[in-house]
Amino acid sequence: MRKILAVAVLFGLISCNETQGQKDYAKISGKITNPIEGQAFRLFNPETSKMRLLTVDKDGNFSDTLHLKKTTSFSAAYSGYFGVELANGMDLKLNFDSKNISKTIEFSGNGSVANKYMREKSSSLGKLIGEDYVGFFGTEKAQFDKAIDEHIAKVSTVLNDNANELGPEFVAREKAGFADFKKDMQVQNDKQLKINKNLKPGMKSPQFANYEDYKGGKKSLSDFKGKYVFIDLWATWCGPCKYEVPFLIDLEKKYHGKNIEFVSISIDRQKDKEKWKKMIAKEGMTGTHLLADKEIDSDFVKAYYVEAIPQFILLDPQGNIVSNNTPRPSEPELIELFDSLGI
């Protein structure tokens, strides 16, 4: 879901007046107030999964030149995350305070208008969704569509107000993108309504059977009946999944011997079985480790409407759903959930 939202928020820029007569490279520079010693400014390209590290000096200054094949939506990271649009011909400058990026970031220079517009669009969507992602996408359809239409109208006003600087081609492509955005959001709304209907707390969980066990043999969900079951859906190729590994190990140690079983189900390809086994051994991963039978197309994975991993699921000792999408092991809210159940 997070991945889909990122695509919805960060439409790529194709061209705009700011980059006409463009060079074959883009420049980005800036100054960070309260710089963190040794911390680089990172630009991550989600399309290529490549990272660019920009050195930040002791005074918080950084700069770099990038040769781009096309306009690119980067995920920028320092002490927080935000989007940055770069295209050849831009000379973008940004300043922010590391202690509060969202409230202090400022764009200037060639490319600033496009970035300010994209940031306003992203901010509008963030306010629309709010803190309760599940609650928002589970809104009744007519109300949901009305909210999306109002968001698009608000963003369209900002787009039209900056049309001269952005250029007719950019404006036309943005407006065309609104239709795709609305369609994507409606798909998520339909999906969440199905989840709310089919995966309610207290309902019997979908089942899996005869998944290969890292320690040998096969395991089925029914084998864990009588205990709470915390399920981690992950893969060796998934960066966010690997980030959660040490937190999951600590969690298993904390609750070892309690009435809960930690079950990690990998959706790696069968041909990558050895890679899966090696990673478990190398990282000292604990708990029960199983390999799903048909990767992302496994019936159990599809029954939980999984589109992005990691996803964490909690079942009660009777095999009923407590939560179809719990907080992550790195989030304190998960411990609060366990405590509320007396685990």
Protein backbone atom coordinates (compact mmCIF):
# COMPACT_ATOMS: atom_id res chain seq x y z
CA MET A 1 0.00 0.00 0.00
CA ARG A 2 2.80 2.40 0.86
CA LYS A 3 4.31 1.84 -2.55
CA ILE A 4 1.03 2.53 -4.32
CA LEU A 5 0.57 5.74 -2.34
CA ALA A 6 4.06 6.87 -3.24
CA VAL A 7 3.21 6.48 -6.92
CA ALA A 8 -0.05 8.34 -6.42
CA VAL A 9 1.67 11.23 -4.68
CA LEU A 10 4.75 11.59 -6.86
CA PHE A 11 3.71 11.90 -10.51
CA GLY A 12 6.83 12.40 -12.64
CA LEU A 13 7.48 15.66 -14.39
CA ILE A 14 7.94 15.34 -18.14
CA SER A 15 8.77 18.91 -19.09
CA CYS A 16 8.10 22.42 -17.93
CA ASN A 17 9.08 25.95 -18.82
CA GLU A 18 11.60 26.01 -15.99
CA THR A 19 13.82 23.58 -17.90
CA GLN A 20 13.44 24.86 -21.46
CA GLY A 21 16.78 25.33 -23.19
CA GLN A 22 17.95 22.71 -20.78
CA LYS A 23 21.44 21.34 -20.29
CA ASP A 24 22.15 17.62 -20.13
CA TYR A 25 22.42 17.63 -16.36
CA ALA A 26 20.61 18.81 -13.24
CA LYS A 27 22.18 20.57 -10.28
CA ILE A 28 20.98 20.27 -6.72
CA SER A 29 22.44 22.12 -3.74
CA GLY A 30 21.39 23.44 -0.40
CA LYS A 31 22.10 24.13 3.24
CA ILE A 32 20.92 22.14 6.24
CA THR A 33 20.49 23.83 9.58
CA ASN A 34 21.53 21.63 12.52
CA PRO A 35 23.41 19.13 10.32
CA ILE A 36 24.03 15.65 11.72
CA GLU A 37 27.71 14.76 11.88
CA GLY A 38 28.63 12.14 9.29
CA GLN A 39 25.11 11.98 7.84
CA ALA A 40 24.86 12.12 4.02
CA PHE A 41 21.92 13.57 2.11
CA ARG A 42 20.39 10.66 0.18
CA LEU A 43 18.52 10.61 -3.11
CA PHE A 44 16.77 7.30 -3.85
CA ASN A 45 15.34 6.52 -7.29
CA PRO A 46 12.40 4.11 -6.76
CA GLU A 47 12.34 3.16 -10.44
CA THR A 48 15.96 1.93 -10.52
CA SER A 49 16.41 1.27 -6.76
CA LYS A 50 19.68 3.23 -6.99
CA MET A 51 20.90 5.48 -4.19
CA ARG A 52 22.90 8.68 -4.58
CA LEU A 53 24.75 9.94 -1.50
CA LEU A 54 25.55 13.65 -1.28
CA THR A 55 28.23 14.67 1.22
CA VAL A 56 27.12 17.28 3.76
CA ASP A 57 29.94 19.41 5.17
CA LYS A 58 30.21 20.52 8.80
CA ASP A 59 28.27 23.70 8.03
CA GLY A 60 25.40 21.76 6.42
CA ASN A 61 26.20 22.55 2.77
CA PHE A 62 25.79 19.99 -0.02
CA SER A 63 25.76 20.00 -3.82
CA ASP A 64 25.86 17.58 -6.71
CA THR A 65 25.33 17.29 -10.46
CA LEU A 66 23.23 14.49 -11.96
CA HIS A 67 22.97 13.44 -15.60
CA LEU A 68 19.40 12.21 -16.00
CA LYS A 69 17.79 10.26 -18.83
CA LYS A 70 14.41 11.73 -17.92
CA THR A 71 12.68 13.74 -15.22
CA THR A 72 12.93 11.74 -12.03
CA SER A 73 10.96 11.65 -8.79
CA PHE A 74 13.48 11.00 -6.03
CA SER A 75 12.78 10.08 -2.44
CA ALA A 76 15.11 12.33 -0.47
CA ALA A 77 16.23 11.38 3.02
CA TYR A 78 18.23 13.05 5.76
CA SER A 79 16.58 13.09 9.18
CA GLY A 80 13.25 12.52 7.46
CA TYR A 81 11.83 11.82 4.01
CA PHE A 82 10.41 14.04 1.28
CA GLY A 83 10.04 14.07 -2.49
CA VAL A 84 12.37 15.89 -4.90
CA GLU A 85 11.75 16.29 -8.63
CA LEU A 86 14.81 16.73 -10.85
CA ALA A 87 15.14 17.20 -14.60
CA ASN A 88 18.08 18.12 -16.80
CA GLY A 89 18.38 21.89 -16.91
CA MET A 90 17.28 22.43 -13.33
CA ASP A 91 19.46 24.20 -10.77
CA LEU A 92 17.48 23.42 -7.65
CA LYS A 93 18.34 24.78 -4.22
CA LEU A 94 16.75 23.59 -0.99
CA ASN A 95 17.24 24.57 2.62
CA PHE A 96 15.79 22.93 5.72
CA ASP A 97 16.29 22.34 9.43
CA SER A 98 17.11 18.71 10.19
CA LYS A 99 15.02 18.92 13.35
CA ASN A 100 11.82 19.67 11.45
CA ILE A 101 12.09 19.18 7.70
CA SER A 102 8.38 19.29 6.90
CA LYS A 103 7.89 22.77 8.37
CA THR A 104 11.17 24.35 7.32
CA ILE A 105 11.97 23.09 3.82
CA GLU A 106 12.26 25.80 1.18
CA PHE A 107 12.86 25.40 -2.57
CA SER A 108 14.46 28.06 -4.77
CA GLY A 109 16.19 28.32 -8.12
CA ASN A 110 15.32 26.73 -11.45
CA GLY A 111 12.92 23.87 -10.68
CA SER A 112 11.51 25.35 -7.48
CA VAL A 113 8.02 26.00 -8.85
CA ALA A 114 7.61 22.38 -9.91
CA ASN A 115 8.86 21.10 -6.56
CA LYS A 116 6.64 23.48 -4.59
CA TYR A 117 3.64 22.34 -6.61
CA MET A 118 4.48 18.65 -6.07
CA ARG A 119 4.96 19.26 -2.37
CA GLU A 120 1.61 21.02 -2.07
CA LYS A 121 -0.05 18.13 -3.89
CA SER A 122 1.59 15.61 -1.58
CA SER A 123 0.70 17.64 1.51
CA SER A 124 -2.93 17.87 0.40
CA LEU A 125 -3.11 14.10 -0.02
CA GLY A 126 -1.46 13.54 3.35
CA LYS A 127 -4.05 15.72 5.06
CA LEU A 128 -6.83 13.94 3.17
CA ILE A 129 -5.74 10.47 4.30
CA GLY A 130 -4.72 11.53 7.80
CA GLU A 131 -3.28 9.18 10.41
CA ASP A 132 -5.88 6.44 9.91
CA TYR A 133 -4.96 4.95 6.53
CA VAL A 134 -7.26 1.96 6.91
CA GLY A 135 -10.13 4.10 8.09
CA PHE A 136 -9.80 6.48 5.17
CA PHE A 137 -9.71 3.80 2.48
CA GLY A 138 -12.55 1.97 4.21
CA THR A 139 -14.85 4.99 3.82
CA GLU A 140 -18.22 4.36 2.17
CA LYS A 141 -17.85 4.72 -1.59
CA ALA A 142 -19.91 7.87 -2.25
CA GLN A 143 -18.22 9.77 0.58
CA PHE A 144 -14.81 8.51 -0.55
CA ASP A 145 -15.32 9.64 -4.16
CA LYS A 146 -16.49 13.06 -2.96
CA ALA A 147 -13.33 13.47 -0.86
CA ILE A 148 -11.09 12.51 -3.79
CA ASP A 149 -12.89 14.93 -6.13
CA GLU A 150 -12.42 17.76 -3.63
CA HIS A 151 -8.72 16.95 -3.35
CA ILE A 152 -8.30 16.97 -7.13
CA ALA A 153 -10.15 20.30 -7.38
CA LYS A 154 -7.86 21.82 -4.74
CA VAL A 155 -4.69 20.58 -6.48
CA SER A 156 -6.04 21.74 -9.87
CA THR A 157 -6.36 25.26 -8.51
CA VAL A 158 -2.70 25.25 -7.45
CA LEU A 159 -1.74 23.81 -10.85
CA ASN A 160 -3.66 26.51 -12.75
CA ASP A 161 -2.22 29.26 -10.57
CA ASN A 162 1.30 28.18 -11.57
CA ALA A 163 0.52 27.23 -15.17
CA ASN A 164 2.73 29.92 -16.76
CA GLU A 165 5.83 28.75 -14.92
CA LEU A 166 5.11 25.04 -15.31
CA GLY A 167 4.23 25.16 -18.99
CA PRO A 168 1.29 23.80 -21.02
CA GLU A 169 2.69 20.30 -21.54
CA PHE A 170 3.30 19.77 -17.83
CA VAL A 171 -0.15 21.13 -16.94
CA ALA A 172 -1.83 18.89 -19.52
CA ARG A 173 -0.01 15.80 -18.30
CA GLU A 174 -0.82 16.58 -14.66
CA LYS A 175 -4.51 17.00 -15.48
CA ALA A 176 -4.49 13.73 -17.42
CA GLY A 177 -2.82 12.10 -14.42
CA PHE A 178 -5.69 13.10 -12.14
CA ALA A 179 -7.94 10.54 -13.84
CA ASP A 180 -5.41 7.75 -13.27
CA PHE A 181 -4.93 8.91 -9.70
CA LYS A 182 -8.67 8.77 -9.00
CA LYS A 183 -8.91 5.31 -10.56
CA ASP A 184 -5.99 4.03 -8.44
CA MET A 185 -7.51 5.46 -5.28
CA GLN A 186 -10.88 3.88 -6.06
CA VAL A 187 -9.14 0.51 -6.49
CA GLN A 188 -7.68 0.91 -2.99
CA ASN A 189 -11.09 1.92 -1.65
CA ASP A 190 -12.72 -1.17 -3.20
CA LYS A 191 -9.95 -3.35 -1.81
CA GLN A 192 -10.23 -1.96 1.73
CA LEU A 193 -14.01 -2.40 1.70
CA LYS A 194 -13.47 -6.06 0.78
CA ILE A 195 -10.87 -6.42 3.54
CA ASN A 196 -13.29 -4.87 6.04
CA LYS A 197 -15.93 -7.37 4.97
CA ASN A 198 -13.81 -10.53 4.69
CA LEU A 199 -11.02 -10.03 7.25
CA LYS A 200 -12.77 -8.53 10.25
CA PRO A 201 -11.36 -9.08 13.74
CA GLY A 202 -12.92 -12.24 15.14
CA MET A 203 -13.36 -13.89 11.75
CA LYS A 204 -11.68 -17.20 10.96
CA SER A 205 -8.34 -16.62 9.25
CA PRO A 206 -7.65 -17.89 5.76
CA GLN A 207 -5.49 -21.01 5.93
CA PHE A 208 -2.20 -22.26 4.50
CA ALA A 209 -1.06 -25.86 4.42
CA ASN A 210 2.17 -27.78 3.89
CA TYR A 211 4.55 -24.83 3.62
CA GLU A 212 8.20 -25.86 3.69
CA ASP A 213 9.79 -25.39 7.13
CA TYR A 214 13.35 -24.05 7.29
CA LYS A 215 14.08 -26.60 10.01
CA GLY A 216 12.70 -29.45 7.93
CA GLY A 217 9.32 -30.93 7.13
CA LYS A 218 6.11 -29.03 6.44
CA LYS A 219 3.91 -26.76 8.49
CA SER A 220 0.27 -25.66 8.24
CA LEU A 221 -1.47 -22.82 10.04
CA SER A 222 -3.55 -25.36 11.97
CA ASP A 223 -0.32 -26.61 13.61
CA PHE A 224 -0.17 -23.43 15.69
CA LYS A 225 -3.70 -23.57 17.09
CA GLY A 226 -3.81 -22.88 20.81
CA LYS A 227 -1.36 -19.97 20.62
CA TYR A 228 -1.45 -16.44 19.33
CA VAL A 229 0.27 -16.41 15.93
CA PHE A 230 2.20 -13.38 14.71
CA ILE A 231 2.80 -13.76 10.97
CA ASP A 232 5.44 -11.85 9.03
CA LEU A 233 5.04 -11.88 5.25
CA TRP A 234 8.42 -10.97 3.78
CA ALA A 235 11.12 -11.79 1.17
CA THR A 236 14.91 -11.68 1.01
CA TRP A 237 14.79 -9.06 -1.76
CA CYS A 238 12.61 -6.66 0.28
CA GLY A 239 14.55 -3.79 1.88
CA PRO A 240 11.84 -2.71 4.36
CA CYS A 241 11.45 -6.38 5.35
CA LYS A 242 15.15 -6.67 6.15
CA TYR A 243 14.98 -3.46 8.17
CA GLU A 244 12.44 -5.13 10.48
CA VAL A 245 14.56 -8.27 11.04
CA PRO A 246 16.51 -7.11 14.15
CA PHE A 247 13.33 -5.72 15.70
CA LEU A 248 11.54 -9.01 15.03
CA ILE A 249 14.41 -10.96 16.60
CA ASP A 250 14.24 -8.77 19.72
CA LEU A 251 10.47 -9.19 19.83
CA GLU A 252 10.72 -12.99 19.66
CA LYS A 253 13.28 -12.99 22.47
CA LYS A 254 11.05 -10.76 24.62
CA TYR A 255 8.08 -13.09 24.20
CA HIS A 256 9.93 -16.38 24.02
CA GLY A 257 8.08 -18.97 26.09
CA LYS A 258 4.89 -16.90 26.08
CA ASN A 259 1.66 -18.03 24.47
CA ILE A 260 2.61 -16.70 21.03
CA GLU A 261 4.31 -18.17 17.98
CA PHE A 262 6.30 -16.00 15.57
CA VAL A 263 5.91 -17.31 12.02
CA SER A 264 7.78 -15.70 9.13
CA ILE A 265 6.46 -16.67 5.70
CA SER A 266 8.74 -15.85 2.77
CA ILE A 267 7.29 -15.22 -0.67
CA ASP A 268 10.67 -15.78 -2.33
CA ARG A 269 10.74 -17.85 -5.49
CA GLN A 270 11.23 -21.58 -5.05
CA LYS A 271 14.43 -21.36 -7.07
CA ASP A 272 15.77 -18.90 -4.46
CA LYS A 273 15.27 -21.37 -1.62
CA GLU A 274 18.97 -21.53 -0.79
CA LYS A 275 19.21 -17.74 -0.67
CA TRP A 276 16.29 -17.77 1.79
CA LYS A 277 17.99 -20.37 3.98
CA LYS A 278 21.35 -18.58 3.93
CA MET A 279 19.83 -15.29 4.99
CA ILE A 280 18.01 -16.88 7.94
CA ALA A 281 21.27 -18.45 9.10
CA LYS A 282 23.39 -15.36 8.48
CA GLU A 283 21.06 -12.98 10.32
CA GLY A 284 20.38 -15.40 13.17
CA MET A 285 16.66 -15.10 12.54
CA THR A 286 14.54 -16.80 15.18
CA GLY A 287 11.01 -18.16 15.34
CA THR A 288 9.42 -20.40 12.70
CA HIS A 289 10.39 -19.81 9.07
CA LEU A 290 8.26 -21.09 6.21
CA LEU A 291 8.43 -20.75 2.42
CA ALA A 292 5.11 -20.01 0.69
CA ASP A 293 4.18 -22.45 -2.07
CA LYS A 294 3.45 -19.99 -4.91
CA GLU A 295 5.27 -16.79 -3.96
CA ILE A 296 3.04 -13.69 -4.09
CA ASP A 297 0.35 -15.79 -5.79
CA SER A 298 0.02 -18.14 -2.82
CA ASP A 299 -3.64 -18.52 -1.81
CA PHE A 300 -2.94 -17.38 1.76
CA VAL A 301 -1.17 -14.22 0.57
CA LYS A 302 -3.93 -13.41 -1.91
CA ALA A 303 -6.61 -14.04 0.71
CA TYR A 304 -5.10 -11.22 2.77
CA TYR A 305 -5.03 -8.90 -0.28
CA VAL A 306 -1.28 -8.38 0.08
CA GLU A 307 0.22 -5.99 -2.47
CA ALA A 308 3.28 -4.83 -0.56
CA ILE A 309 5.51 -6.37 2.06
CA PRO A 310 6.30 -6.59 4.86
CA GLN A 311 2.82 -7.18 6.20
CA PHE A 312 2.19 -8.45 9.70
CA ILE A 313 -0.87 -10.41 10.83
CA LEU A 314 -1.97 -11.43 14.33
CA LEU A 315 -4.29 -14.38 15.03
CA ASP A 316 -5.74 -15.49 18.35
CA PRO A 317 -5.35 -19.01 19.83
CA GLN A 318 -8.54 -20.15 18.08
CA GLY A 319 -7.16 -19.13 14.68
CA ASN A 320 -9.34 -16.03 14.42
CA ILE A 321 -8.12 -12.66 13.13
CA VAL A 322 -7.01 -10.11 15.72
CA SER A 323 -5.53 -7.77 13.08
CA ASN A 324 -4.98 -8.31 9.35
CA ASN A 325 -2.31 -5.59 9.28
CA THR A 326 -0.64 -4.88 12.62
CA PRO A 327 1.97 -2.25 13.44
CA ARG A 328 5.52 -3.30 12.54
CA PRO A 329 7.99 -4.77 15.07
CA SER A 330 9.91 -1.46 14.93
CA GLU A 331 6.79 0.43 16.08
CA PRO A 332 5.93 0.63 19.81
CA GLU A 333 2.23 0.28 19.02
CA LEU A 334 2.80 -3.44 18.44
CA ILE A 335 3.89 -3.97 22.05
CA GLU A 336 0.84 -2.00 23.14
CA LEU A 337 -1.34 -4.39 21.11
CA PHE A 338 0.31 -7.44 22.65
CA ASP A 339 -0.06 -5.96 26.14
CA SER A 340 -3.75 -5.23 25.58
CA LEU A 341 -4.25 -8.94 24.85
CA GLY A 342 -2.30 -10.06 27.90
CA ILE A 343 0.27 -11.96 25.83
